[in-house]
Amino acid sequence: MYEAIRPFGLSTVNDITWDQITKCIELFHMENINENDLFHEFSEIQIIFKAIQDKNISLYDQVQLYISNKTNANITTASSRKFFSDKEVEEEQPDNDDDDDSTEENGEKKEIRPDQLWAMLLSVKPIPSPNLHKFISFLFSIPCSNAYVESVFSIMKHLFDDKRNRMSTELIAAELKIRLNSSLSCTKIYDFLLSKPELLKLIHSNEKYCTKKQRVN
């Protein structure tokens, strides 16, 4: 399995072949993917990747600029795509002409994350690629180990103990989602709750205790 998905973990698209894509589809039994459309979408992505490589700014810098734009809520998708036009790239190009060292800083080579590269390519592509998006999303959702799953069970053991044994499955799932996915600090969560009076009312109500265990006579 590792050999099948290894090419998609590299910071390039040129080395990926159509045979490798079809092998992954067969190996993981991917459904609801139109292979004819997927072939055209992948061919277009390769053309876009080649065009991005030919720009004056390094591939690493383009990926980082895309990520910085995505984190800015004030920048729309249209302006993000416009950012990658030749004019915008020339404005962002540094004054020095040492392009060979553009991927190095303090003697260390900068690494391009493959997931961020694919996210940028799918975003700047003018025509939507639903099949390729589904295919890439599936591959990058495959965990490299079971460490993350084990950590979920470890956190759940602390949530559901002898003193908290009457919690519903929905409540446990909600707490796990918050602990594992939330990036808000305690201060931000506190301010958020204060801005939601209807939520505070539910928290202080007895509705969360409406489900009671039935005693066996």
N, C-alpha and C. Protein backbone atom coordinates (compact mmCIF):
# COMPACT_ATOMS: atom_id res chain seq x y z
N MET A 1 0.82 -1.20 0.00
CA MET A 1 0.00 0.00 0.00
C MET A 1 0.86 1.25 0.00
N TYR A 2 1.97 1.20 0.75
CA TYR A 2 2.84 2.38 0.84
C TYR A 2 3.40 2.74 -0.53
N GLU A 3 3.82 1.75 -1.30
CA GLU A 3 4.39 2.01 -2.61
C GLU A 3 3.36 2.63 -3.55
N ALA A 4 2.09 2.29 -3.35
CA ALA A 4 1.04 2.82 -4.22
C ALA A 4 0.79 4.30 -3.98
N ILE A 5 0.85 4.73 -2.72
CA ILE A 5 0.53 6.12 -2.40
C ILE A 5 1.77 6.98 -2.24
N ARG A 6 2.97 6.38 -2.26
CA ARG A 6 4.21 7.13 -2.06
C ARG A 6 4.39 8.28 -3.04
N PRO A 7 4.11 8.13 -4.34
CA PRO A 7 4.32 9.25 -5.28
C PRO A 7 3.50 10.49 -4.94
N PHE A 8 2.36 10.30 -4.27
CA PHE A 8 1.51 11.45 -3.95
C PHE A 8 1.99 12.18 -2.70
N GLY A 9 2.99 11.64 -2.04
CA GLY A 9 3.57 12.30 -0.89
C GLY A 9 4.82 13.09 -1.22
N LEU A 10 5.12 13.20 -2.51
CA LEU A 10 6.28 13.97 -2.96
C LEU A 10 5.85 15.38 -3.33
N SER A 11 6.80 16.29 -3.33
CA SER A 11 6.49 17.70 -3.62
C SER A 11 6.58 17.98 -5.12
N THR A 12 6.03 17.09 -5.90
CA THR A 12 5.98 17.26 -7.34
C THR A 12 4.80 16.48 -7.90
N VAL A 13 4.39 16.84 -9.10
CA VAL A 13 3.29 16.14 -9.76
C VAL A 13 3.78 15.44 -11.02
N ASN A 14 4.93 15.86 -11.51
CA ASN A 14 5.44 15.34 -12.77
C ASN A 14 5.77 13.85 -12.71
N ASP A 15 6.11 13.35 -11.53
CA ASP A 15 6.52 11.95 -11.41
C ASP A 15 5.35 10.99 -11.25
N ILE A 16 4.13 11.51 -11.15
CA ILE A 16 2.95 10.66 -10.98
C ILE A 16 2.43 10.24 -12.35
N THR A 17 2.15 8.96 -12.50
CA THR A 17 1.63 8.44 -13.75
C THR A 17 0.16 8.05 -13.60
N TRP A 18 -0.52 7.94 -14.71
CA TRP A 18 -1.93 7.55 -14.68
C TRP A 18 -2.09 6.11 -14.17
N ASP A 19 -1.12 5.25 -14.47
CA ASP A 19 -1.17 3.87 -13.97
C ASP A 19 -1.16 3.83 -12.45
N GLN A 20 -0.41 4.74 -11.83
CA GLN A 20 -0.37 4.79 -10.36
C GLN A 20 -1.71 5.23 -9.79
N ILE A 21 -2.38 6.12 -10.49
CA ILE A 21 -3.70 6.58 -10.03
C ILE A 21 -4.72 5.45 -10.11
N THR A 22 -4.75 4.75 -11.24
CA THR A 22 -5.69 3.64 -11.39
C THR A 22 -5.39 2.52 -10.41
N LYS A 23 -4.12 2.32 -10.08
CA LYS A 23 -3.75 1.30 -9.10
C LYS A 23 -4.31 1.64 -7.73
N CYS A 24 -4.26 2.93 -7.36
CA CYS A 24 -4.81 3.36 -6.07
C CYS A 24 -6.33 3.19 -6.05
N ILE A 25 -6.98 3.50 -7.16
CA ILE A 25 -8.44 3.35 -7.23
C ILE A 25 -8.84 1.89 -7.03
N GLU A 26 -8.10 1.00 -7.65
CA GLU A 26 -8.41 -0.43 -7.50
C GLU A 26 -8.05 -0.94 -6.11
N LEU A 27 -6.93 -0.47 -5.57
CA LEU A 27 -6.46 -0.95 -4.26
C LEU A 27 -7.41 -0.56 -3.14
N PHE A 28 -7.92 0.68 -3.18
CA PHE A 28 -8.78 1.18 -2.10
C PHE A 28 -10.26 1.12 -2.45
N HIS A 29 -10.59 0.54 -3.62
CA HIS A 29 -11.98 0.37 -4.03
C HIS A 29 -12.75 1.70 -3.96
N MET A 30 -12.16 2.73 -4.55
CA MET A 30 -12.79 4.04 -4.55
C MET A 30 -14.02 4.03 -5.45
N GLU A 31 -15.11 4.52 -4.92
CA GLU A 31 -16.36 4.55 -5.67
C GLU A 31 -16.74 6.00 -6.00
N ASN A 32 -17.71 6.13 -6.89
CA ASN A 32 -18.24 7.45 -7.29
C ASN A 32 -17.15 8.35 -7.88
N ILE A 33 -16.21 7.74 -8.59
CA ILE A 33 -15.18 8.50 -9.29
C ILE A 33 -15.25 8.17 -10.77
N ASN A 34 -15.45 9.19 -11.58
CA ASN A 34 -15.49 9.02 -13.02
C ASN A 34 -14.05 9.05 -13.55
N GLU A 35 -13.54 7.91 -13.96
CA GLU A 35 -12.13 7.81 -14.34
C GLU A 35 -11.83 8.62 -15.61
N ASN A 36 -12.79 8.73 -16.51
CA ASN A 36 -12.56 9.54 -17.72
C ASN A 36 -12.37 11.01 -17.36
N ASP A 37 -13.26 11.53 -16.50
CA ASP A 37 -13.13 12.92 -16.05
C ASP A 37 -11.88 13.09 -15.20
N LEU A 38 -11.57 12.09 -14.39
CA LEU A 38 -10.38 12.16 -13.55
C LEU A 38 -9.12 12.27 -14.39
N PHE A 39 -9.07 11.55 -15.50
CA PHE A 39 -7.90 11.61 -16.39
C PHE A 39 -7.70 13.02 -16.93
N HIS A 40 -8.79 13.65 -17.38
CA HIS A 40 -8.69 15.01 -17.92
C HIS A 40 -8.32 16.01 -16.82
N GLU A 41 -8.89 15.84 -15.64
CA GLU A 41 -8.59 16.74 -14.52
C GLU A 41 -7.12 16.63 -14.11
N PHE A 42 -6.60 15.41 -14.08
CA PHE A 42 -5.20 15.20 -13.72
C PHE A 42 -4.27 15.77 -14.78
N SER A 43 -4.62 15.62 -16.05
CA SER A 43 -3.81 16.18 -17.13
C SER A 43 -3.76 17.71 -17.03
N GLU A 44 -4.88 18.33 -16.70
CA GLU A 44 -4.91 19.79 -16.55
C GLU A 44 -4.06 20.24 -15.36
N ILE A 45 -4.09 19.46 -14.27
CA ILE A 45 -3.28 19.79 -13.09
C ILE A 45 -1.80 19.73 -13.43
N GLN A 46 -1.40 18.75 -14.24
CA GLN A 46 0.01 18.65 -14.64
C GLN A 46 0.44 19.87 -15.45
N ILE A 47 -0.44 20.35 -16.31
CA ILE A 47 -0.13 21.55 -17.10
C ILE A 47 0.01 22.77 -16.19
N ILE A 48 -0.90 22.89 -15.22
CA ILE A 48 -0.84 24.01 -14.28
C ILE A 48 0.42 23.94 -13.44
N PHE A 49 0.77 22.75 -12.99
CA PHE A 49 1.99 22.58 -12.18
C PHE A 49 3.23 22.99 -12.97
N LYS A 50 3.27 22.61 -14.25
CA LYS A 50 4.41 22.99 -15.09
C LYS A 50 4.47 24.51 -15.25
N ALA A 51 3.31 25.17 -15.41
CA ALA A 51 3.29 26.62 -15.55
C ALA A 51 3.75 27.31 -14.27
N ILE A 52 3.35 26.77 -13.13
CA ILE A 52 3.76 27.34 -11.85
C ILE A 52 5.27 27.18 -11.64
N GLN A 53 5.81 26.04 -12.05
CA GLN A 53 7.25 25.82 -11.94
C GLN A 53 8.05 26.80 -12.79
N ASP A 54 7.48 27.20 -13.93
CA ASP A 54 8.19 28.09 -14.84
C ASP A 54 8.16 29.55 -14.40
N LYS A 55 7.43 29.86 -13.35
CA LYS A 55 7.38 31.25 -12.88
C LYS A 55 8.70 31.63 -12.21
N ASN A 56 8.92 32.91 -12.09
CA ASN A 56 10.18 33.40 -11.53
C ASN A 56 10.31 33.15 -10.04
N ILE A 57 9.20 33.05 -9.36
CA ILE A 57 9.24 32.82 -7.93
C ILE A 57 9.27 31.32 -7.65
N SER A 58 9.96 30.92 -6.60
CA SER A 58 10.12 29.49 -6.31
C SER A 58 8.79 28.85 -5.94
N LEU A 59 8.72 27.54 -6.14
CA LEU A 59 7.51 26.79 -5.83
C LEU A 59 7.20 26.87 -4.34
N TYR A 60 8.23 26.82 -3.52
CA TYR A 60 8.03 26.90 -2.07
C TYR A 60 7.39 28.22 -1.68
N ASP A 61 7.88 29.31 -2.25
CA ASP A 61 7.33 30.63 -1.92
C ASP A 61 5.89 30.77 -2.40
N GLN A 62 5.59 30.18 -3.55
CA GLN A 62 4.21 30.25 -4.04
C GLN A 62 3.25 29.50 -3.12
N VAL A 63 3.70 28.35 -2.62
CA VAL A 63 2.85 27.58 -1.70
C VAL A 63 2.64 28.36 -0.41
N GLN A 64 3.71 28.96 0.11
CA GLN A 64 3.60 29.72 1.35
C GLN A 64 2.71 30.95 1.19
N LEU A 65 2.80 31.60 0.04
CA LEU A 65 1.95 32.75 -0.22
C LEU A 65 0.48 32.34 -0.33
N TYR A 66 0.24 31.16 -0.89
CA TYR A 66 -1.13 30.65 -0.97
C TYR A 66 -1.67 30.36 0.43
N ILE A 67 -0.86 29.72 1.26
CA ILE A 67 -1.29 29.40 2.62
C ILE A 67 -1.55 30.66 3.43
N SER A 68 -0.71 31.67 3.26
CA SER A 68 -0.91 32.92 4.00
C SER A 68 -2.19 33.61 3.55
N ASN A 69 -2.52 33.49 2.28
CA ASN A 69 -3.77 34.07 1.78
C ASN A 69 -4.98 33.33 2.34
N LYS A 70 -4.88 32.00 2.44
CA LYS A 70 -6.00 31.21 2.95
C LYS A 70 -6.29 31.50 4.40
N THR A 71 -5.26 31.88 5.16
CA THR A 71 -5.46 32.18 6.57
C THR A 71 -6.03 33.58 6.78
N ASN A 72 -6.03 34.37 5.74
CA ASN A 72 -6.57 35.72 5.84
C ASN A 72 -8.04 35.69 5.42
N ALA A 73 -8.95 35.88 6.35
CA ALA A 73 -10.38 35.77 6.07
C ALA A 73 -10.88 36.86 5.15
N ASN A 74 -10.12 37.94 4.99
CA ASN A 74 -10.58 39.05 4.18
C ASN A 74 -10.29 38.87 2.69
N ILE A 75 -9.54 37.81 2.37
CA ILE A 75 -9.18 37.59 0.97
C ILE A 75 -10.11 36.55 0.38
N THR A 76 -10.79 36.86 -0.67
CA THR A 76 -11.74 35.95 -1.29
C THR A 76 -11.01 34.97 -2.21
N THR A 77 -11.73 33.96 -2.64
CA THR A 77 -11.14 32.96 -3.53
C THR A 77 -10.71 33.59 -4.85
N ALA A 78 -11.51 34.56 -5.33
CA ALA A 78 -11.17 35.19 -6.61
C ALA A 78 -9.87 35.96 -6.51
N SER A 79 -9.70 36.69 -5.42
CA SER A 79 -8.47 37.46 -5.27
C SER A 79 -7.28 36.55 -5.02
N SER A 80 -7.54 35.39 -4.42
CA SER A 80 -6.46 34.43 -4.20
C SER A 80 -5.95 33.90 -5.51
N ARG A 81 -6.87 33.60 -6.45
CA ARG A 81 -6.44 33.13 -7.76
C ARG A 81 -5.73 34.23 -8.53
N LYS A 82 -6.22 35.44 -8.40
CA LYS A 82 -5.59 36.57 -9.09
C LYS A 82 -4.17 36.79 -8.59
N PHE A 83 -3.93 36.41 -7.35
CA PHE A 83 -2.62 36.59 -6.74
C PHE A 83 -1.55 35.84 -7.51
N PHE A 84 -1.94 34.76 -8.17
CA PHE A 84 -0.98 33.94 -8.87
C PHE A 84 -0.80 34.35 -10.33
N SER A 85 -1.36 35.47 -10.69
CA SER A 85 -1.13 35.97 -12.05
C SER A 85 0.32 36.43 -12.18
N ASP A 86 0.79 36.55 -13.41
CA ASP A 86 2.18 36.92 -13.64
C ASP A 86 2.53 38.27 -13.03
N LYS A 87 1.59 39.19 -13.08
CA LYS A 87 1.85 40.52 -12.56
C LYS A 87 2.06 40.49 -11.07
N GLU A 88 1.22 39.74 -10.38
CA GLU A 88 1.34 39.67 -8.92
C GLU A 88 2.61 38.95 -8.52
N VAL A 89 2.96 37.91 -9.25
CA VAL A 89 4.18 37.16 -8.92
C VAL A 89 5.40 38.03 -9.09
N GLU A 90 5.42 38.86 -10.15
CA GLU A 90 6.56 39.74 -10.37
C GLU A 90 6.69 40.75 -9.25
N GLU A 91 5.57 41.21 -8.70
CA GLU A 91 5.62 42.16 -7.60
C GLU A 91 6.17 41.52 -6.34
N GLU A 92 5.92 40.21 -6.18
CA GLU A 92 6.39 39.51 -5.00
C GLU A 92 7.81 39.00 -5.14
N GLN A 93 8.37 39.05 -6.36
CA GLN A 93 9.69 38.51 -6.59
C GLN A 93 10.74 39.33 -5.85
N PRO A 94 11.69 38.68 -5.13
CA PRO A 94 12.75 39.41 -4.42
C PRO A 94 13.68 40.11 -5.39
N ASP A 95 14.43 41.09 -4.89
CA ASP A 95 15.31 41.88 -5.73
C ASP A 95 16.49 41.09 -6.25
N ASN A 96 17.01 40.10 -5.45
CA ASN A 96 18.18 39.37 -5.90
C ASN A 96 17.78 38.36 -6.95
N ASP A 97 18.75 37.95 -7.77
CA ASP A 97 18.52 37.04 -8.87
C ASP A 97 18.98 35.63 -8.55
N ASP A 98 19.30 35.34 -7.31
CA ASP A 98 19.81 34.03 -6.93
C ASP A 98 18.65 33.08 -6.69
N ASP A 99 18.03 32.61 -7.79
CA ASP A 99 16.85 31.75 -7.70
C ASP A 99 17.21 30.37 -7.17
N ASP A 100 18.45 29.91 -7.42
CA ASP A 100 18.83 28.57 -7.00
C ASP A 100 18.83 28.44 -5.49
N ASP A 101 19.06 29.53 -4.78
CA ASP A 101 19.09 29.48 -3.32
C ASP A 101 17.78 29.92 -2.70
N SER A 102 16.74 30.10 -3.52
CA SER A 102 15.47 30.61 -3.00
C SER A 102 14.77 29.61 -2.10
N THR A 103 15.13 28.34 -2.19
CA THR A 103 14.50 27.33 -1.34
C THR A 103 15.35 26.99 -0.13
N GLU A 104 16.39 27.80 0.13
CA GLU A 104 17.25 27.55 1.27
C GLU A 104 17.28 28.76 2.18
N GLU A 105 17.30 28.49 3.46
CA GLU A 105 17.36 29.56 4.46
C GLU A 105 18.21 29.08 5.61
N ASN A 106 19.25 29.86 5.96
CA ASN A 106 20.19 29.50 7.02
C ASN A 106 20.84 28.14 6.75
N GLY A 107 21.10 27.87 5.46
CA GLY A 107 21.77 26.63 5.11
C GLY A 107 20.87 25.42 5.08
N GLU A 108 19.59 25.55 5.37
CA GLU A 108 18.67 24.43 5.39
C GLU A 108 17.67 24.54 4.24
N LYS A 109 17.43 23.43 3.58
CA LYS A 109 16.49 23.41 2.46
C LYS A 109 15.06 23.44 2.99
N LYS A 110 14.23 24.28 2.39
CA LYS A 110 12.84 24.39 2.80
C LYS A 110 12.04 23.25 2.18
N GLU A 111 11.24 22.61 3.00
CA GLU A 111 10.43 21.49 2.55
C GLU A 111 9.03 21.96 2.16
N ILE A 112 8.53 21.42 1.06
CA ILE A 112 7.17 21.71 0.61
C ILE A 112 6.26 20.59 1.05
N ARG A 113 5.24 20.93 1.82
CA ARG A 113 4.28 19.91 2.25
C ARG A 113 3.42 19.49 1.07
N PRO A 114 3.35 18.19 0.77
CA PRO A 114 2.56 17.73 -0.40
C PRO A 114 1.09 18.09 -0.30
N ASP A 115 0.50 18.02 0.92
CA ASP A 115 -0.92 18.34 1.05
C ASP A 115 -1.19 19.81 0.74
N GLN A 116 -0.26 20.69 1.13
CA GLN A 116 -0.42 22.11 0.83
C GLN A 116 -0.22 22.37 -0.66
N LEU A 117 0.69 21.63 -1.30
CA LEU A 117 0.90 21.78 -2.73
C LEU A 117 -0.36 21.39 -3.50
N TRP A 118 -0.97 20.26 -3.15
CA TRP A 118 -2.18 19.82 -3.83
C TRP A 118 -3.33 20.78 -3.56
N ALA A 119 -3.40 21.30 -2.35
CA ALA A 119 -4.47 22.27 -2.03
C ALA A 119 -4.33 23.51 -2.90
N MET A 120 -3.10 23.97 -3.10
CA MET A 120 -2.87 25.15 -3.93
C MET A 120 -3.24 24.86 -5.39
N LEU A 121 -2.82 23.71 -5.90
CA LEU A 121 -3.08 23.37 -7.30
C LEU A 121 -4.58 23.26 -7.57
N LEU A 122 -5.30 22.61 -6.67
CA LEU A 122 -6.74 22.46 -6.86
C LEU A 122 -7.47 23.79 -6.71
N SER A 123 -6.89 24.70 -5.93
CA SER A 123 -7.53 26.00 -5.70
C SER A 123 -7.33 26.94 -6.89
N VAL A 124 -6.12 26.97 -7.45
CA VAL A 124 -5.84 27.90 -8.54
C VAL A 124 -6.33 27.37 -9.88
N LYS A 125 -6.69 26.11 -9.94
CA LYS A 125 -7.21 25.54 -11.19
C LYS A 125 -8.54 26.23 -11.52
N PRO A 126 -8.67 26.85 -12.69
CA PRO A 126 -9.89 27.62 -13.00
C PRO A 126 -11.14 26.77 -13.12
N ILE A 127 -10.98 25.51 -13.56
CA ILE A 127 -12.13 24.61 -13.72
C ILE A 127 -12.16 23.64 -12.54
N PRO A 128 -13.30 23.49 -11.86
CA PRO A 128 -13.38 22.57 -10.72
C PRO A 128 -13.00 21.14 -11.12
N SER A 129 -12.40 20.43 -10.17
CA SER A 129 -11.98 19.05 -10.40
C SER A 129 -12.55 18.16 -9.31
N PRO A 130 -13.84 17.87 -9.34
CA PRO A 130 -14.45 17.11 -8.25
C PRO A 130 -13.88 15.70 -8.08
N ASN A 131 -13.57 15.04 -9.19
CA ASN A 131 -13.05 13.67 -9.10
C ASN A 131 -11.63 13.66 -8.54
N LEU A 132 -10.79 14.56 -9.01
CA LEU A 132 -9.41 14.63 -8.51
C LEU A 132 -9.40 15.09 -7.05
N HIS A 133 -10.27 16.02 -6.70
CA HIS A 133 -10.37 16.49 -5.32
C HIS A 133 -10.76 15.34 -4.40
N LYS A 134 -11.71 14.53 -4.82
CA LYS A 134 -12.15 13.38 -4.02
C LYS A 134 -11.02 12.36 -3.89
N PHE A 135 -10.31 12.14 -4.99
CA PHE A 135 -9.22 11.16 -5.00
C PHE A 135 -8.09 11.58 -4.06
N ILE A 136 -7.64 12.84 -4.17
CA ILE A 136 -6.54 13.33 -3.35
C ILE A 136 -6.95 13.41 -1.87
N SER A 137 -8.18 13.85 -1.61
CA SER A 137 -8.66 13.93 -0.23
C SER A 137 -8.67 12.55 0.43
N PHE A 138 -9.05 11.53 -0.34
CA PHE A 138 -9.07 10.17 0.20
C PHE A 138 -7.66 9.71 0.55
N LEU A 139 -6.71 9.94 -0.35
CA LEU A 139 -5.34 9.49 -0.10
C LEU A 139 -4.73 10.16 1.12
N PHE A 140 -4.95 11.46 1.27
CA PHE A 140 -4.35 12.17 2.39
C PHE A 140 -5.12 11.96 3.69
N SER A 141 -6.25 11.28 3.62
CA SER A 141 -6.97 10.95 4.86
C SER A 141 -6.51 9.63 5.44
N ILE A 142 -5.67 8.89 4.71
CA ILE A 142 -5.17 7.61 5.21
C ILE A 142 -4.08 7.88 6.25
N PRO A 143 -4.25 7.46 7.50
CA PRO A 143 -3.24 7.71 8.52
C PRO A 143 -1.99 6.88 8.29
N CYS A 144 -0.85 7.46 8.57
CA CYS A 144 0.41 6.74 8.40
C CYS A 144 0.65 5.75 9.53
N SER A 145 -0.06 5.92 10.65
CA SER A 145 0.03 4.98 11.77
C SER A 145 -1.26 5.07 12.57
N ASN A 146 -1.39 4.22 13.58
CA ASN A 146 -2.59 4.23 14.42
C ASN A 146 -2.38 5.04 15.69
N ALA A 147 -1.31 5.87 15.73
CA ALA A 147 -1.02 6.66 16.93
C ALA A 147 -2.14 7.64 17.23
N TYR A 148 -2.69 8.27 16.18
CA TYR A 148 -3.76 9.25 16.39
C TYR A 148 -5.00 8.56 16.95
N VAL A 149 -5.33 7.39 16.41
CA VAL A 149 -6.50 6.65 16.90
C VAL A 149 -6.31 6.26 18.36
N GLU A 150 -5.10 5.81 18.69
CA GLU A 150 -4.83 5.42 20.07
C GLU A 150 -4.95 6.62 21.01
N SER A 151 -4.56 7.80 20.54
CA SER A 151 -4.68 9.00 21.37
C SER A 151 -6.14 9.35 21.63
N VAL A 152 -7.01 9.07 20.64
CA VAL A 152 -8.44 9.32 20.82
C VAL A 152 -8.99 8.44 21.94
N PHE A 153 -8.63 7.17 21.92
CA PHE A 153 -9.09 6.27 22.98
C PHE A 153 -8.53 6.67 24.34
N SER A 154 -7.30 7.17 24.35
CA SER A 154 -6.69 7.60 25.61
C SER A 154 -7.44 8.79 26.19
N ILE A 155 -7.80 9.75 25.33
CA ILE A 155 -8.56 10.91 25.80
C ILE A 155 -9.95 10.50 26.25
N MET A 156 -10.56 9.55 25.54
CA MET A 156 -11.91 9.10 25.89
C MET A 156 -11.93 8.44 27.26
N LYS A 157 -10.85 7.75 27.62
CA LYS A 157 -10.79 7.10 28.93
C LYS A 157 -10.83 8.13 30.05
N HIS A 158 -10.28 9.32 29.81
CA HIS A 158 -10.31 10.38 30.81
C HIS A 158 -11.68 11.05 30.85
N LEU A 159 -12.38 11.03 29.74
CA LEU A 159 -13.70 11.66 29.70
C LEU A 159 -14.77 10.76 30.34
N PHE A 160 -14.72 9.50 29.99
CA PHE A 160 -15.76 8.56 30.43
C PHE A 160 -15.16 7.66 31.51
N ASP A 161 -15.33 8.08 32.77
CA ASP A 161 -14.78 7.29 33.88
C ASP A 161 -15.90 6.93 34.85
N ASP A 162 -15.53 6.42 36.03
CA ASP A 162 -16.52 5.98 37.01
C ASP A 162 -17.38 7.13 37.52
N LYS A 163 -16.82 8.34 37.52
CA LYS A 163 -17.57 9.49 38.02
C LYS A 163 -18.42 10.15 36.93
N ARG A 164 -18.14 9.83 35.70
CA ARG A 164 -18.90 10.41 34.58
C ARG A 164 -19.39 9.28 33.68
N ASN A 165 -20.12 8.38 34.27
CA ASN A 165 -20.54 7.19 33.53
C ASN A 165 -21.97 7.27 33.01
N ARG A 166 -22.58 8.44 33.10
CA ARG A 166 -23.96 8.59 32.62
C ARG A 166 -24.04 9.49 31.39
N MET A 167 -22.89 9.79 30.82
CA MET A 167 -22.87 10.64 29.63
C MET A 167 -23.37 9.86 28.42
N SER A 168 -24.08 10.56 27.56
CA SER A 168 -24.56 9.95 26.32
C SER A 168 -23.42 9.85 25.31
N THR A 169 -23.62 9.04 24.29
CA THR A 169 -22.62 8.89 23.23
C THR A 169 -22.42 10.21 22.49
N GLU A 170 -23.51 10.96 22.32
CA GLU A 170 -23.42 12.24 21.62
C GLU A 170 -22.55 13.23 22.40
N LEU A 171 -22.69 13.24 23.71
CA LEU A 171 -21.90 14.17 24.54
C LEU A 171 -20.42 13.82 24.50
N ILE A 172 -20.12 12.53 24.58
CA ILE A 172 -18.71 12.09 24.51
C ILE A 172 -18.11 12.47 23.15
N ALA A 173 -18.89 12.22 22.08
CA ALA A 173 -18.40 12.57 20.74
C ALA A 173 -18.16 14.06 20.61
N ALA A 174 -19.06 14.88 21.18
CA ALA A 174 -18.91 16.34 21.10
C ALA A 174 -17.65 16.80 21.84
N GLU A 175 -17.40 16.23 23.02
CA GLU A 175 -16.21 16.62 23.79
C GLU A 175 -14.93 16.20 23.06
N LEU A 176 -14.95 15.02 22.45
CA LEU A 176 -13.77 14.57 21.72
C LEU A 176 -13.49 15.48 20.52
N LYS A 177 -14.53 15.89 19.82
CA LYS A 177 -14.36 16.77 18.68
C LYS A 177 -13.76 18.11 19.10
N ILE A 178 -14.22 18.62 20.25
CA ILE A 178 -13.70 19.90 20.73
C ILE A 178 -12.24 19.77 21.13
N ARG A 179 -11.92 18.70 21.86
CA ARG A 179 -10.54 18.53 22.34
C ARG A 179 -9.56 18.28 21.20
N LEU A 180 -10.00 17.56 20.17
CA LEU A 180 -9.08 17.17 19.11
C LEU A 180 -9.02 18.16 17.96
N ASN A 181 -10.07 18.95 17.79
CA ASN A 181 -10.13 19.83 16.61
C ASN A 181 -10.10 21.32 16.93
N SER A 182 -10.47 21.69 18.13
CA SER A 182 -10.55 23.11 18.45
C SER A 182 -9.17 23.70 18.69
N SER A 183 -8.95 24.87 18.11
CA SER A 183 -7.68 25.58 18.31
C SER A 183 -7.88 26.87 19.11
N LEU A 184 -9.09 27.04 19.66
CA LEU A 184 -9.38 28.25 20.43
C LEU A 184 -8.80 28.16 21.83
N SER A 185 -8.33 29.28 22.31
CA SER A 185 -7.82 29.32 23.68
C SER A 185 -8.99 29.41 24.66
N CYS A 186 -8.70 29.21 25.93
CA CYS A 186 -9.75 29.27 26.95
C CYS A 186 -10.40 30.65 26.99
N THR A 187 -9.61 31.69 26.77
CA THR A 187 -10.14 33.05 26.78
C THR A 187 -11.12 33.27 25.63
N LYS A 188 -10.77 32.76 24.44
CA LYS A 188 -11.65 32.93 23.29
C LYS A 188 -12.94 32.13 23.46
N ILE A 189 -12.83 30.94 24.01
CA ILE A 189 -14.04 30.14 24.25
C ILE A 189 -14.93 30.83 25.27
N TYR A 190 -14.32 31.41 26.31
CA TYR A 190 -15.08 32.13 27.33
C TYR A 190 -15.83 33.32 26.72
N ASP A 191 -15.13 34.09 25.88
CA ASP A 191 -15.77 35.23 25.22
C ASP A 191 -16.87 34.78 24.27
N PHE A 192 -16.65 33.66 23.60
CA PHE A 192 -17.66 33.14 22.68
C PHE A 192 -18.92 32.74 23.43
N LEU A 193 -18.77 32.06 24.56
CA LEU A 193 -19.93 31.63 25.33
C LEU A 193 -20.71 32.82 25.88
N LEU A 194 -20.00 33.87 26.28
CA LEU A 194 -20.68 35.07 26.78
C LEU A 194 -21.50 35.76 25.69
N SER A 195 -21.09 35.57 24.44
CA SER A 195 -21.82 36.20 23.34
C SER A 195 -23.01 35.35 22.86
N LYS A 196 -23.20 34.19 23.47
CA LYS A 196 -24.30 33.30 23.09
C LYS A 196 -25.19 33.02 24.30
N PRO A 197 -26.10 33.94 24.63
CA PRO A 197 -26.95 33.75 25.81
C PRO A 197 -27.84 32.51 25.72
N GLU A 198 -28.30 32.18 24.50
CA GLU A 198 -29.16 31.00 24.35
C GLU A 198 -28.38 29.72 24.66
N LEU A 199 -27.10 29.71 24.33
CA LEU A 199 -26.26 28.56 24.63
C LEU A 199 -26.00 28.45 26.13
N LEU A 200 -25.76 29.58 26.76
CA LEU A 200 -25.56 29.58 28.22
C LEU A 200 -26.81 29.09 28.94
N LYS A 201 -27.97 29.46 28.41
CA LYS A 201 -29.22 29.03 29.03
C LYS A 201 -29.35 27.51 28.99
N LEU A 202 -28.97 26.91 27.87
CA LEU A 202 -29.02 25.46 27.76
C LEU A 202 -28.00 24.79 28.67
N ILE A 203 -26.85 25.41 28.81
CA ILE A 203 -25.81 24.85 29.67
C ILE A 203 -26.28 24.82 31.12
N HIS A 204 -26.98 25.87 31.57
CA HIS A 204 -27.44 25.95 32.96
C HIS A 204 -28.75 25.20 33.19
N SER A 205 -29.37 24.71 32.11
CA SER A 205 -30.63 24.00 32.28
C SER A 205 -30.39 22.54 32.67
N ASN A 206 -31.47 21.84 32.92
CA ASN A 206 -31.39 20.43 33.30
C ASN A 206 -31.62 19.49 32.13
N GLU A 207 -31.66 20.04 30.91
CA GLU A 207 -31.94 19.20 29.76
C GLU A 207 -30.86 18.14 29.53
N LYS A 208 -29.63 18.46 29.94
CA LYS A 208 -28.56 17.49 29.73
C LYS A 208 -28.68 16.30 30.67
N TYR A 209 -29.55 16.41 31.66
CA TYR A 209 -29.74 15.30 32.59
C TYR A 209 -31.08 14.59 32.37
N CYS A 210 -31.73 14.85 31.23
CA CYS A 210 -33.08 14.30 31.01
C CYS A 210 -33.04 12.79 30.80
N THR A 211 -31.91 12.27 30.33
CA THR A 211 -31.79 10.83 30.12
C THR A 211 -31.25 10.18 31.39
N LYS A 212 -32.06 9.34 32.02
CA LYS A 212 -31.68 8.71 33.27
C LYS A 212 -31.64 7.19 33.09
N LYS A 213 -30.78 6.56 33.85
CA LYS A 213 -30.71 5.11 33.80
C LYS A 213 -31.94 4.50 34.43
N GLN A 214 -32.42 3.44 33.84
CA GLN A 214 -33.56 2.74 34.40
C GLN A 214 -33.07 1.69 35.40
N ARG A 215 -33.61 1.77 36.57
CA ARG A 215 -33.23 0.82 37.61
C ARG A 215 -33.88 -0.55 37.36
N VAL A 216 -33.11 -1.57 37.55
CA VAL A 216 -33.62 -2.92 37.37
C VAL A 216 -34.10 -3.43 38.73
N ASN A 217 -35.37 -3.73 38.83
CA ASN A 217 -35.93 -4.22 40.09
C ASN A 217 -35.54 -5.67 40.32
